[in-house]
PDB file of N, CA and C in Angstrom:
ATOM      1  N   CYS A   1       1.244  -0.816  -0.078  1.00  0.00           N
ATOM      2  CA  CYS A   1       0.088   0.201  -0.152  1.00  0.00           C
ATOM      3  C   CYS A   1       0.576   1.136  -0.220  1.00  0.00           C
ATOM      4  N   ARG A   2       0.386   2.349  -0.202  1.00  0.00           N
ATOM      5  CA  ARG A   2       1.247   3.633  -0.394  1.00  0.00           C
ATOM      6  C   ARG A   2       0.510   4.662   0.618  1.00  0.00           C
ATOM      7  N   CYS A   3       1.098   5.293   0.906  1.00  0.00           N
ATOM      8  CA  CYS A   3       0.841   6.692   1.741  1.00  0.00           C
ATOM      9  C   CYS A   3      -0.046   7.688   0.951  1.00  0.00           C
ATOM     10  N   PRO A   4      -0.770   8.796   1.603  1.00  0.00           N
ATOM     11  CA  PRO A   4      -0.806   9.398   0.749  1.00  0.00           C
ATOM     12  C   PRO A   4      -0.158  10.159   0.085  1.00  0.00           C
ATOM     13  N   ARG A   5      -0.315  11.689  -0.277  1.00  0.00           N
ATOM     14  CA  ARG A   5       0.749  12.505  -1.034  1.00  0.00           C
ATOM     15  C   ARG A   5       0.837  13.283   0.386  1.00  0.00           C
ATOM     16  N   GLY A   6       2.381  13.559   1.085  1.00  0.00           N
ATOM     17  CA  GLY A   6       2.574  14.020   1.891  1.00  0.00           C
ATOM     18  C   GLY A   6       3.183  13.467   3.265  1.00  0.00           C
ATOM     19  N   GLN A   7       2.416  11.960   3.455  1.00  0.00           N
ATOM     20  CA  GLN A   7       2.565  10.968   3.917  1.00  0.00           C
ATOM     21  C   GLN A   7       3.953  10.074   4.182  1.00  0.00           C
ATOM     22  N   LEU A   8       4.444   9.366   5.045  1.00  0.00           N
ATOM     23  CA  LEU A   8       5.209   8.731   4.762  1.00  0.00           C
ATOM     24  C   LEU A   8       5.234   7.501   5.379  1.00  0.00           C
ATOM     25  N   LEU A   9       5.106   6.397   5.422  1.00  0.00           N
ATOM     26  CA  LEU A   9       4.789   5.324   6.095  1.00  0.00           C
ATOM     27  C   LEU A   9       6.532   4.876   7.295  1.00  0.00           C
ATOM     28  N   GLN A  10       5.897   4.962   8.519  1.00  0.00           N
ATOM     29  CA  GLN A  10       6.364   4.649   9.437  1.00  0.00           C
ATOM     30  C   GLN A  10       6.274   3.976  10.674  1.00  0.00           C
ATOM     31  N   ASP A  11       6.484   2.979  11.421  1.00  0.00           N
ATOM     32  CA  ASP A  11       5.862   2.057  11.983  1.00  0.00           C
ATOM     33  C   ASP A  11       4.610   1.776  11.541  1.00  0.00           C
ATOM     34  N   SER A  12       4.791   0.928   9.925  1.00  0.00           N
ATOM     35  CA  SER A  12       3.752   0.280   9.275  1.00  0.00           C
ATOM     36  C   SER A  12       2.269   1.220   9.152  1.00  0.00           C
ATOM     37  N   GLN A  13       2.783   2.563   9.984  1.00  0.00           N
ATOM     38  CA  GLN A  13       1.598   3.785   9.978  1.00  0.00           C
ATOM     39  C   GLN A  13       2.237   5.229   9.069  1.00  0.00           C
ATOM     40  N   CYS A  14       0.808   5.428   7.636  1.00  0.00           N
ATOM     41  CA  CYS A  14       1.179   6.200   7.043  1.00  0.00           C
ATOM     42  C   CYS A  14       1.234   7.594   8.573  1.00  0.00           C
ATOM     43  N   VAL A  15       2.211   8.396   8.236  1.00  0.00           N
ATOM     44  CA  VAL A  15       2.226  10.238   9.403  1.00  0.00           C
ATOM     45  C   VAL A  15       2.850  11.010   8.106  1.00  0.00           C
ATOM     46  N   PRO A  16       2.674  12.108   8.505  1.00  0.00           N
ATOM     47  CA  PRO A  16       2.000  13.305   8.037  1.00  0.00           C
ATOM     48  C   PRO A  16       4.245  13.563   7.812  1.00  0.00           C
ATOM     49  N   VAL A  17       4.852  14.107   6.859  1.00  0.00           N
ATOM     50  CA  VAL A  17       6.387  13.996   6.840  1.00  0.00           C
ATOM     51  C   VAL A  17       6.582  14.781   8.259  1.00  0.00           C
ATOM     52  N   SER A  18       6.460  15.916   8.480  1.00  0.00           N
ATOM     53  CA  SER A  18       6.793  16.824   9.851  1.00  0.00           C
ATOM     54  C   SER A  18       7.266  15.945  10.670  1.00  0.00           C
ATOM     55  N   ASP A  19       5.879  14.531  11.011  1.00  0.00           N
ATOM     56  CA  ASP A  19       6.083  14.338  12.307  1.00  0.00           C
ATOM     57  C   ASP A  19       7.481  12.970  12.293  1.00  0.00           C
ATOM     58  N   CYS A  20       7.577  12.781  11.361  1.00  0.00           N
ATOM     59  CA  CYS A  20       8.852  11.782  10.921  1.00  0.00           C
ATOM     60  C   CYS A  20      10.002  11.732  11.570  1.00  0.00           C
ATOM     61  N   ARG A  21      10.358  10.768  12.255  1.00  0.00           N
ATOM     62  CA  ARG A  21      11.621  10.762  12.952  1.00  0.00           C
ATOM     63  C   ARG A  21      12.762  10.408  12.560  1.00  0.00           C
ATOM     64  N   CYS A  22      14.069  11.310  12.924  1.00  0.00           N
ATOM     65  CA  CYS A  22      15.144  10.684  12.100  1.00  0.00           C
ATOM     66  C   CYS A  22      16.047   9.481  12.750  1.00  0.00           C
ATOM     67  N   GLY A  23      17.029   9.037  11.942  1.00  0.00           N
ATOM     68  CA  GLY A  23      17.925   8.235  12.601  1.00  0.00           C
ATOM     69  C   GLY A  23      19.496   8.153  12.288  1.00  0.00           C
ATOM     70  N   SER A  24      20.045   7.752  13.218  1.00  0.00           N
ATOM     71  CA  SER A  24      21.758   8.581  13.141  1.00  0.00           C
ATOM     72  C   SER A  24      22.196   6.988  13.978  1.00  0.00           C
ATOM     73  N   PRO A  25      23.411   6.097  12.711  1.00  0.00           N
ATOM     74  CA  PRO A  25      23.619   5.013  13.008  1.00  0.00           C
ATOM     75  C   PRO A  25      24.573   5.115  14.134  1.00  0.00           C
ATOM     76  N   THR A  26      24.477   4.145  14.449  1.00  0.00           N
ATOM     77  CA  THR A  26      25.646   3.412  15.126  1.00  0.00           C
ATOM     78  C   THR A  26      26.785   2.419  15.289  1.00  0.00           C
ATOM     79  N   SER A  27      27.665   2.034  15.825  1.00  0.00           N
ATOM     80  CA  SER A  27      28.116   0.573  15.541  1.00  0.00           C
ATOM     81  C   SER A  27      26.976  -0.782  15.468  1.00  0.00           C
ATOM     82  N   ASN A  28      26.526  -0.386  16.570  1.00  0.00           N
ATOM     83  CA  ASN A  28      25.614  -1.972  16.247  1.00  0.00           C
ATOM     84  C   ASN A  28      23.549  -1.704  16.090  1.00  0.00           C
ATOM     85  N   HIS A  29      23.768  -0.543  16.053  1.00  0.00           N
ATOM     86  CA  HIS A  29      21.735   0.135  15.892  1.00  0.00           C
ATOM     87  C   HIS A  29      22.042   1.607  15.509  1.00  0.00           C
ATOM     88  N   THR A  30      20.814   1.562  15.799  1.00  0.00           N
ATOM     89  CA  THR A  30      20.167   3.174  14.629  1.00  0.00           C
ATOM     90  C   THR A  30      19.323   3.953  16.286  1.00  0.00           C
ATOM     91  N   VAL A  31      20.110   5.339  16.602  1.00  0.00           N
ATOM     92  CA  VAL A  31      19.341   5.426  17.614  1.00  0.00           C
ATOM     93  C   VAL A  31      18.447   6.948  16.670  1.00  0.00           C
ATOM     94  N   GLU A  32      17.075   7.059  17.337  1.00  0.00           N
ATOM     95  CA  GLU A  32      16.263   7.694  16.556  1.00  0.00           C
ATOM     96  C   GLU A  32      15.914   9.315  17.710  1.00  0.00           C
ATOM     97  N   TYR A  33      15.596  10.031  16.678  1.00  0.00           N
ATOM     98  CA  TYR A  33      15.595  11.365  16.921  1.00  0.00           C
ATOM     99  C   TYR A  33      14.015  11.967  16.734  1.00  0.00           C
ATOM    100  N   GLN A  34      13.164  12.159  17.831  1.00  0.00           N
ATOM    101  CA  GLN A  34      11.902  13.161  17.072  1.00  0.00           C
ATOM    102  C   GLN A  34      12.078  14.207  16.189  1.00  0.00           C
ATOM    103  N   PRO A  35      11.216  14.621  16.047  1.00  0.00           N
ATOM    104  CA  PRO A  35      11.024  16.134  15.344  1.00  0.00           C
ATOM    105  C   PRO A  35      11.659  16.853  16.311  1.00  0.00           C
ATOM    106  N   GLY A  36      12.111  18.147  15.713  1.00  0.00           N
ATOM    107  CA  GLY A  36      13.044  18.914  16.755  1.00  0.00           C
ATOM    108  C   GLY A  36      13.806  18.791  17.312  1.00  0.00           C
ATOM    109  N   ASP A  37      13.994  17.203  17.793  1.00  0.00           N
ATOM    110  CA  ASP A  37      15.840  17.238  18.402  1.00  0.00           C
ATOM    111  C   ASP A  37      16.569  17.444  17.783  1.00  0.00           C
ATOM    112  N   SER A  38      17.684  18.267  18.947  1.00  0.00           N
ATOM    113  CA  SER A  38      19.102  18.025  17.786  1.00  0.00           C
ATOM    114  C   SER A  38      19.910  17.536  18.377  1.00  0.00           C
ATOM    115  N   ILE A  39      21.089  17.101  17.849  1.00  0.00           N
ATOM    116  CA  ILE A  39      22.320  16.474  17.857  1.00  0.00           C
ATOM    117  C   ILE A  39      23.704  17.425  17.541  1.00  0.00           C
ATOM    118  N   SER A  40      24.628  16.907  18.761  1.00  0.00           N
ATOM    119  CA  SER A  40      25.795  17.787  18.517  1.00  0.00           C
ATOM    120  C   SER A  40      26.704  17.330  17.509  1.00  0.00           C
ATOM    121  N   ILE A  41      27.299  18.085  16.565  1.00  0.00           N
ATOM    122  CA  ILE A  41      28.520  17.743  15.590  1.00  0.00           C
ATOM    123  C   ILE A  41      29.392  18.263  15.398  1.00  0.00           C
ATOM    124  N   PRO A  42      30.899  18.179  15.378  1.00  0.00           N
ATOM    125  CA  PRO A  42      31.971  18.891  15.076  1.00  0.00           C
ATOM    126  C   PRO A  42      31.740  20.282  14.600  1.00  0.00           C
ATOM    127  N   CYS A  43      31.181  20.488  13.975  1.00  0.00           N
ATOM    128  CA  CYS A  43      31.033  21.867  13.614  1.00  0.00           C
ATOM    129  C   CYS A  43      29.388  22.459  14.200  1.00  0.00           C
ATOM    130  N   GLY A  44      28.751  22.129  15.010  1.00  0.00           N
ATOM    131  CA  GLY A  44      27.583  22.702  15.784  1.00  0.00           C
ATOM    132  C   GLY A  44      26.631  21.917  15.738  1.00  0.00           C
ATOM    133  N   ASN A  45      25.170  21.812  15.068  1.00  0.00           N
ATOM    134  CA  ASN A  45      24.340  21.056  15.990  1.00  0.00           C
ATOM    135  C   ASN A  45      23.703  20.259  14.363  1.00  0.00           C
ATOM    136  N   CYS A  46      22.727  19.521  14.471  1.00  0.00           N
ATOM    137  CA  CYS A  46      21.891  19.162  13.546  1.00  0.00           C
ATOM    138  C   CYS A  46      20.464  19.167  14.361  1.00  0.00           C
ATOM    139  N   THR A  47      19.523  19.639  13.725  1.00  0.00           N
ATOM    140  CA  THR A  47      18.123  19.512  13.806  1.00  0.00           C
ATOM    141  C   THR A  47      17.185  18.014  12.943  1.00  0.00           C
ATOM    142  N   CYS A  48      16.694  17.688  13.804  1.00  0.00           N
ATOM    143  CA  CYS A  48      15.485  16.694  13.026  1.00  0.00           C
ATOM    144  C   CYS A  48      14.403  17.612  12.513  1.00  0.00           C
ATOM    145  N   VAL A  49      14.547  17.677  11.110  1.00  0.00           N
ATOM    146  CA  VAL A  49      13.324  17.889  10.196  1.00  0.00           C
ATOM    147  C   VAL A  49      12.674  17.328   8.659  1.00  0.00           C
ATOM    148  N   ASN A  50      11.541  16.876   9.144  1.00  0.00           N
ATOM    149  CA  ASN A  50      10.887  15.945   7.825  1.00  0.00           C
ATOM    150  C   ASN A  50      11.726  14.642   7.905  1.00  0.00           C
ATOM    151  N   GLY A  51      12.200  14.233   8.844  1.00  0.00           N
ATOM    152  CA  GLY A  51      12.725  12.977   8.778  1.00  0.00           C
ATOM    153  C   GLY A  51      13.950  13.091   8.426  1.00  0.00           C
ATOM    154  N   THR A  52      15.139  13.847   7.912  1.00  0.00           N
ATOM    155  CA  THR A  52      16.297  14.101   8.134  1.00  0.00           C
ATOM    156  C   THR A  52      17.024  15.805   9.055  1.00  0.00           C
ATOM    157  N   PHE A  53      18.078  15.410   8.905  1.00  0.00           N
ATOM    158  CA  PHE A  53      18.649  16.048   9.759  1.00  0.00           C
ATOM    159  C   PHE A  53      18.979  17.256   9.394  1.00  0.00           C
ATOM    160  N   ASP A  54      18.974  18.471   9.418  1.00  0.00           N
ATOM    161  CA  ASP A  54      19.075  19.994   9.208  1.00  0.00           C
ATOM    162  C   ASP A  54      20.466  20.273   9.450  1.00  0.00           C
ATOM    163  N   CYS A  55      21.392  20.093   9.228  1.00  0.00           N
ATOM    164  CA  CYS A  55      22.675  20.522   9.672  1.00  0.00           C
ATOM    165  C   CYS A  55      23.319  22.204   8.994  1.00  0.00           C
ATOM    166  N   SER A  56      22.828  22.865   8.598  1.00  0.00           N
ATOM    167  CA  SER A  56      22.922  23.980   7.628  1.00  0.00           C
ATOM    168  C   SER A  56      23.309  25.104   8.767  1.00  0.00           C
ATOM    169  N   GLU A  57      23.090  25.090   9.903  1.00  0.00           N
ATOM    170  CA  GLU A  57      23.521  25.661  10.322  1.00  0.00           C
ATOM    171  C   GLU A  57      24.924  25.965  10.892  1.00  0.00           C
ATOM    172  N   SER A  58      26.298  25.581   9.604  1.00  0.00           N
ATOM    173  CA  SER A  58      27.460  24.924  10.255  1.00  0.00           C
ATOM    174  C   SER A  58      28.442  26.209  10.779  1.00  0.00           C
ATOM    175  N   GLN A  59      29.063  25.725  12.207  1.00  0.00           N
ATOM    176  CA  GLN A  59      30.043  27.101  12.639  1.00  0.00           C
ATOM    177  C   GLN A  59      31.583  26.984  12.414  1.00  0.00           C
ATOM    178  N   CYS A  60      31.803  26.153  11.213  1.00  0.00           N
ATOM    179  CA  CYS A  60      33.366  25.839  10.874  1.00  0.00           C
ATOM    180  C   CYS A  60      33.301  26.083  10.007  1.00  0.00           C
ATOM    181  N   MET A  61      34.634  26.540   9.392  1.00  0.00           N
ATOM    182  CA  MET A  61      35.380  27.282   8.337  1.00  0.00           C
ATOM    183  C   MET A  61      35.367  25.951   7.581  1.00  0.00           C
ATOM    184  N   GLU A  62      35.290  26.738   6.011  1.00  0.00           N
ATOM    185  CA  GLU A  62      35.391  25.542   4.953  1.00  0.00           C
ATOM    186  C   GLU A  62      36.984  25.420   4.860  1.00  0.00           C
ATOM    187  N   LEU A  63      37.625  24.160   4.858  1.00  0.00           N
ATOM    188  CA  LEU A  63      38.727  24.291   3.975  1.00  0.00           C
ATOM    189  C   LEU A  63      38.692  24.909   2.326  1.00  0.00           C
ATOM    190  N   SER A  64      39.582  25.620   2.100  1.00  0.00           N
ATOM    191  CA  SER A  64      39.700  25.366   0.398  1.00  0.00           C
ATOM    192  C   SER A  64      40.101  24.006  -0.337  1.00  0.00           C
ATOM    193  N   SER A  65      40.470  24.457  -1.529  1.00  0.00           N
ATOM    194  CA  SER A  65      40.646  23.245  -2.367  1.00  0.00           C
ATOM    195  C   SER A  65      42.060  22.705  -1.931  1.00  0.00           C
ATOM    196  N   TRP A  66      42.801  21.651  -2.446  1.00  0.00           N
ATOM    197  CA  TRP A  66      44.331  20.768  -2.230  1.00  0.00           C
ATOM    198  C   TRP A  66      44.839  21.813  -3.333  1.00  0.00           C
ATOM    199  N   SER A  67      46.151  22.708  -3.037  1.00  0.00           N
ATOM    200  CA  SER A  67      46.933  23.069  -3.900  1.00  0.00           C
ATOM    201  C   SER A  67      47.530  21.663  -4.983  1.00  0.00           C
ATOM    202  N   MET A  68      48.220  22.338  -5.798  1.00  0.00           N
ATOM    203  CA  MET A  68      48.568  21.297  -6.695  1.00  0.00           C
ATOM    204  C   MET A  68      50.042  20.430  -6.173  1.00  0.00           C
ATOM    205  N   TRP A  69      49.901  19.628  -6.674  1.00  0.00           N
ATOM    206  CA  TRP A  69      51.186  18.206  -5.461  1.00  0.00           C
ATOM    207  C   TRP A  69      52.997  19.360  -6.447  1.00  0.00           C
ATOM    208  N   SER A  70      53.294  19.456  -4.958  1.00  0.00           N
ATOM    209  CA  SER A  70      54.885  20.000  -5.062  1.00  0.00           C
ATOM    210  C   SER A  70      55.407  19.114  -6.258  1.00  0.00           C
ATOM    211  N   GLU A  71      56.796  19.087  -6.555  1.00  0.00           N
ATOM    212  CA  GLU A  71      57.544  18.431  -7.468  1.00  0.00           C
ATOM    213  C   GLU A  71      57.749  17.578  -6.711  1.00  0.00           C
ATOM    214  N   CYS A  72      58.812  16.085  -7.174  1.00  0.00           N
ATOM    215  CA  CYS A  72      58.821  15.340  -6.474  1.00  0.00           C
ATOM    216  C   CYS A  72      60.801  15.919  -5.882  1.00  0.00           C
ATOM    217  N   SER A  73      60.763  15.425  -4.506  1.00  0.00           N
ATOM    218  CA  SER A  73      61.969  15.971  -3.480  1.00  0.00           C
ATOM    219  C   SER A  73      63.437  15.432  -4.568  1.00  0.00           C
ATOM    220  N   THR A  74      63.533  14.218  -5.481  1.00  0.00           N
ATOM    221  CA  THR A  74      64.226  13.095  -5.736  1.00  0.00           C
ATOM    222  C   THR A  74      63.985  13.860  -7.750  1.00  0.00           C
ATOM    223  N   SER A  75      64.783  13.381  -8.694  1.00  0.00           N
ATOM    224  CA  SER A  75      64.728  13.927 -10.061  1.00  0.00           C
ATOM    225  C   SER A  75      64.531  12.351 -10.342  1.00  0.00           C
ATOM    226  N   CYS A  76      65.176  11.211  -9.812  1.00  0.00           N
ATOM    227  CA  CYS A  76      65.236  10.085  -9.815  1.00  0.00           C
ATOM    228  C   CYS A  76      65.134   9.192  -8.681  1.00  0.00           C
ATOM    229  N   GLY A  77      64.889   8.295  -8.379  1.00  0.00           N
ATOM    230  CA  GLY A  77      64.872   7.112  -7.269  1.00  0.00           C
ATOM    231  C   GLY A  77      63.654   7.506  -6.163  1.00  0.00           C
ATOM    232  N   PRO A  78      63.391   6.990  -5.384  1.00  0.00           N
ATOM    233  CA  PRO A  78      62.146   7.459  -4.388  1.00  0.00           C
ATOM    234  C   PRO A  78      62.128   8.702  -3.696  1.00  0.00           C
ATOM    235  N   GLY A  79      61.206   9.432  -3.677  1.00  0.00           N
ATOM    236  CA  GLY A  79      61.186  10.737  -3.284  1.00  0.00           C
ATOM    237  C   GLY A  79      59.932  11.260  -2.613  1.00  0.00           C
ATOM    238  N   LEU A  80      59.648  12.642  -2.022  1.00  0.00           N
ATOM    239  CA  LEU A  80      58.528  12.494  -2.150  1.00  0.00           C
ATOM    240  C   LEU A  80      58.255  13.886  -2.394  1.00  0.00           C
ATOM    241  N   ARG A  81      56.539  14.177  -2.413  1.00  0.00           N
ATOM    242  CA  ARG A  81      56.005  15.472  -2.901  1.00  0.00           C
ATOM    243  C   ARG A  81      54.650  15.699  -1.963  1.00  0.00           C
ATOM    244  N   SER A  82      54.416  16.799  -2.048  1.00  0.00           N
ATOM    245  CA  SER A  82      53.153  17.450  -1.071  1.00  0.00           C
ATOM    246  C   SER A  82      52.286  17.940  -1.852  1.00  0.00           C
ATOM    247  N   ARG A  83      50.794  18.203  -0.947  1.00  0.00           N
ATOM    248  CA  ARG A  83      50.308  19.132  -1.349  1.00  0.00           C
ATOM    249  C   ARG A  83      49.295  19.685  -0.056  1.00  0.00           C
ATOM    250  N   SER A  84      49.075  21.172  -0.138  1.00  0.00           N
ATOM    251  CA  SER A  84      48.090  21.633   1.473  1.00  0.00           C
ATOM    252  C   SER A  84      47.004  22.018   0.877  1.00  0.00           C
ATOM    253  N   ARG A  85      46.126  22.305   1.666  1.00  0.00           N
ATOM    254  CA  ARG A  85      44.955  23.686   1.639  1.00  0.00           C
ATOM    255  C   ARG A  85      45.082  24.729   3.187  1.00  0.00           C
ATOM    256  N   SER A  86      43.865  25.449   3.104  1.00  0.00           N
ATOM    257  CA  SER A  86      44.114  25.913   3.691  1.00  0.00           C
ATOM    258  C   SER A  86      42.857  26.668   4.365  1.00  0.00           C
ATOM    259  N   CYS A  87      42.309  27.223   5.524  1.00  0.00           N
ATOM    260  CA  CYS A  87      41.229  27.163   6.407  1.00  0.00           C
ATOM    261  C   CYS A  87      40.576  28.777   6.104  1.00  0.00           C
ATOM    262  N   GLY A  88      39.678  28.124   5.387  1.00  0.00           N
ATOM    263  CA  GLY A  88      38.851  29.593   4.499  1.00  0.00           C
ATOM    264  C   GLY A  88      37.974  30.360   5.079  1.00  0.00           C
ATOM    265  N   GLU A  89      37.638  31.437   5.577  1.00  0.00           N
ATOM    266  CA  GLU A  89      37.058  32.174   6.078  1.00  0.00           C
ATOM    267  C   GLU A  89      35.463  32.731   5.806  1.00  0.00           C
ATOM    268  N   SER A  90      34.515  31.541   5.707  1.00  0.00           N
ATOM    269  CA  SER A  90      33.257  31.771   5.525  1.00  0.00           C
ATOM    270  C   SER A  90      32.821  32.049   6.850  1.00  0.00           C
ATOM    271  N   GLY A  91      32.929  32.731   7.407  1.00  0.00           N
ATOM    272  CA  GLY A  91      31.949  32.810   8.484  1.00  0.00           C
ATOM    273  C   GLY A  91      32.352  32.490   9.779  1.00  0.00           C
ATOM    274  N   GLY A  92      32.866  31.102   9.913  1.00  0.00           N
ATOM    275  CA  GLY A  92      32.417  30.200  10.771  1.00  0.00           C
ATOM    276  C   GLY A  92      33.307  30.576  12.376  1.00  0.00           C
ATOM    277  N   SER A  93      33.083  29.914  13.455  1.00  0.00           N
ATOM    278  CA  SER A  93      33.127  30.030  14.288  1.00  0.00           C
ATOM    279  C   SER A  93      34.731  29.365  14.570  1.00  0.00           C
ATOM    280  N   LEU A  94      34.392  28.453  14.302  1.00  0.00           N
ATOM    281  CA  LEU A  94      35.365  27.450  14.761  1.00  0.00           C
ATOM    282  C   LEU A  94      36.165  26.738  13.884  1.00  0.00           C
ATOM    283  N   PRO A  95      37.368  26.396  13.812  1.00  0.00           N
ATOM    284  CA  PRO A  95      38.840  25.840  13.402  1.00  0.00           C
ATOM    285  C   PRO A  95      37.790  24.491  12.491  1.00  0.00           C
ATOM    286  N   CYS A  96      38.714  24.832  11.024  1.00  0.00           N
ATOM    287  CA  CYS A  96      38.329  23.799  10.414  1.00  0.00           C
ATOM    288  C   CYS A  96      38.655  22.321  10.267  1.00  0.00           C
ATOM    289  N   GLN A  97      38.347  21.253  10.017  1.00  0.00           N
ATOM    290  CA  GLN A  97      37.765  19.831  10.592  1.00  0.00           C
ATOM    291  C   GLN A  97      38.835  19.461   9.395  1.00  0.00           C
ATOM    292  N   GLY A  98      39.617  18.663   9.444  1.00  0.00           N
ATOM    293  CA  GLY A  98      40.174  17.527   8.301  1.00  0.00           C
ATOM    294  C   GLY A  98      41.545  17.676   7.935  1.00  0.00           C
ATOM    295  N   GLU A  99      42.145  17.288   7.087  1.00  0.00           N
ATOM    296  CA  GLU A  99      43.525  17.176   6.908  1.00  0.00           C
ATOM    297  C   GLU A  99      44.224  18.708   5.940  1.00  0.00           C
ATOM    298  N   MET A 100      44.958  18.941   6.553  1.00  0.00           N
ATOM    299  CA  MET A 100      45.632  20.092   5.762  1.00  0.00           C
ATOM    300  C   MET A 100      47.054  19.980   5.079  1.00  0.00           C
ATOM    301  N   LYS A 101      47.363  18.597   4.975  1.00  0.00           N
ATOM    302  CA  LYS A 101      48.426  18.530   4.463  1.00  0.00           C
ATOM    303  C   LYS A 101      48.186  17.065   3.592  1.00  0.00           C
ATOM    304  N   GLN A 102      49.200  16.651   2.954  1.00  0.00           N
ATOM    305  CA  GLN A 102      49.214  15.066   1.581  1.00  0.00           C
ATOM    306  C   GLN A 102      50.171  15.496   1.792  1.00  0.00           C
ATOM    307  N   THR A 103      51.016  14.020   1.895  1.00  0.00           N
ATOM    308  CA  THR A 103      52.203  13.714   1.427  1.00  0.00           C
ATOM    309  C   THR A 103      52.655  12.474   0.743  1.00  0.00           C
ATOM    310  N   GLU A 104      53.056  12.260  -0.188  1.00  0.00           N
ATOM    311  CA  GLU A 104      53.163  10.520  -1.029  1.00  0.00           C
ATOM    312  C   GLU A 104      54.038  10.788  -1.847  1.00  0.00           C
ATOM    313  N   GLU A 105      54.220   9.174  -1.960  1.00  0.00           N
ATOM    314  CA  GLU A 105      55.564   8.499  -2.619  1.00  0.00           C
ATOM    315  C   GLU A 105      56.138   8.914  -4.396  1.00  0.00           C
ATOM    316  N   CYS A 106      57.078   9.347  -5.025  1.00  0.00           N
ATOM    317  CA  CYS A 106      57.052   9.835  -6.200  1.00  0.00           C
ATOM    318  C   CYS A 106      58.311   9.335  -7.082  1.00  0.00           C
ATOM    319  N   ASN A 107      58.425   9.134  -8.062  1.00  0.00           N
ATOM    320  CA  ASN A 107      59.487   8.950  -8.682  1.00  0.00           C
ATOM    321  C   ASN A 107      59.967   7.382  -8.454  1.00  0.00           C
ATOM    322  N   GLN A 108      59.419   6.398  -8.129  1.00  0.00           N
ATOM    323  CA  GLN A 108      59.942   5.297  -7.728  1.00  0.00           C
ATOM    324  C   GLN A 108      60.898   4.168  -8.963  1.00  0.00           C
ATOM    325  N   MET A 109      61.239   5.399 -10.420  1.00  0.00           N
ATOM    326  CA  MET A 109      62.315   4.809 -10.847  1.00  0.00           C
ATOM    327  C   MET A 109      63.487   4.850 -10.604  1.00  0.00           C
ATOM    328  N   PRO A 110      64.489   3.625 -10.373  1.00  0.00           N
ATOM    329  CA  PRO A 110      65.984   3.795 -10.147  1.00  0.00           C
ATOM    330  C   PRO A 110      66.837   4.941 -10.953  1.00  0.00           C
ATOM    331  N   CYS A 111      67.776   5.268 -10.864  1.00  0.00           N
ATOM    332  CA  CYS A 111      68.367   6.171 -11.306  1.00  0.00           C
ATOM    333  C   CYS A 111      69.530   5.307 -11.832  1.00  0.00           C
ATOM    334  N   SER A 112      69.430   5.711 -13.068  1.00  0.00           N
ATOM    335  CA  SER A 112      70.883   5.132 -13.713  1.00  0.00           C
ATOM    336  C   SER A 112      71.961   5.259 -13.280  1.00  0.00           C
ATOM    337  N   GLY A 113      72.921   4.094 -12.789  1.00  0.00           N
ATOM    338  CA  GLY A 113      74.434   3.992 -12.114  1.00  0.00           C
ATOM    339  C   GLY A 113      73.905   3.558 -10.221  1.00  0.00           C
ATOM    340  N   GLY A 114      72.966   4.040 -10.621  1.00  0.00           N
ATOM    341  CA  GLY A 114      72.107   3.012  -8.707  1.00  0.00           C
ATOM    342  C   GLY A 114      72.526   4.121  -7.693  1.00  0.00           C
ATOM    343  N   TYR A 115      72.462   5.311  -7.835  1.00  0.00           N
ATOM    344  CA  TYR A 115      72.196   6.763  -6.833  1.00  0.00           C
ATOM    345  C   TYR A 115      71.313   7.520  -7.346  1.00  0.00           C
ATOM    346  N   TYR A 116      71.156   8.254  -6.631  1.00  0.00           N
ATOM    347  CA  TYR A 116      69.549   9.352  -6.206  1.00  0.00           C
ATOM    348  C   TYR A 116      70.195  10.867  -6.721  1.00  0.00           C
ATOM    349  N   ARG A 117      69.344  11.292  -6.865  1.00  0.00           N
ATOM    350  CA  ARG A 117      69.996  12.729  -7.539  1.00  0.00           C
ATOM    351  C   ARG A 117      68.760  13.741  -6.603  1.00  0.00           C
ATOM    352  N   ARG A 118      68.952  14.863  -5.464  1.00  0.00           N
ATOM    353  CA  ARG A 118      68.351  15.808  -5.185  1.00  0.00           C
ATOM    354  C   ARG A 118      67.727  16.569  -5.766  1.00  0.00           C
ATOM    355  N   SER A 119      66.083  16.897  -6.125  1.00  0.00           N
ATOM    356  CA  SER A 119      65.842  17.848  -7.027  1.00  0.00           C
ATOM    357  C   SER A 119      66.215  19.080  -5.891  1.00  0.00           C
ATOM    358  N   LYS A 120      66.521  20.265  -6.737  1.00  0.00           N
ATOM    359  CA  LYS A 120      67.137  21.536  -6.274  1.00  0.00           C
ATOM    360  C   LYS A 120      65.921  22.415  -5.226  1.00  0.00           C
TER     361      LYS A 120
END
């Protein structure tokens, strides 16, 4: 069976969307929240509205896009390269959440003659 427009099936009954609960998964079950309930997240609060969490009031500043990868630390042989991003000024009052710098290996091909060359 189907619920009338503007209603959803919950607990085997059709209920208005505005009365739908929200669910937050945990490691072994789901915690249910009533409409209007709020939960805390690292950047503020989310409120249960129409069966989903509204987290539009984020208080964290936003991270910029990643920079280009740097040149490899060696011209041949194993080396490292990195990239970074900054914490933007989007009006948030809490620090950015997330990784600010990434490093990865580069130049896996050995140098001729068995030695390594450092980039300038």
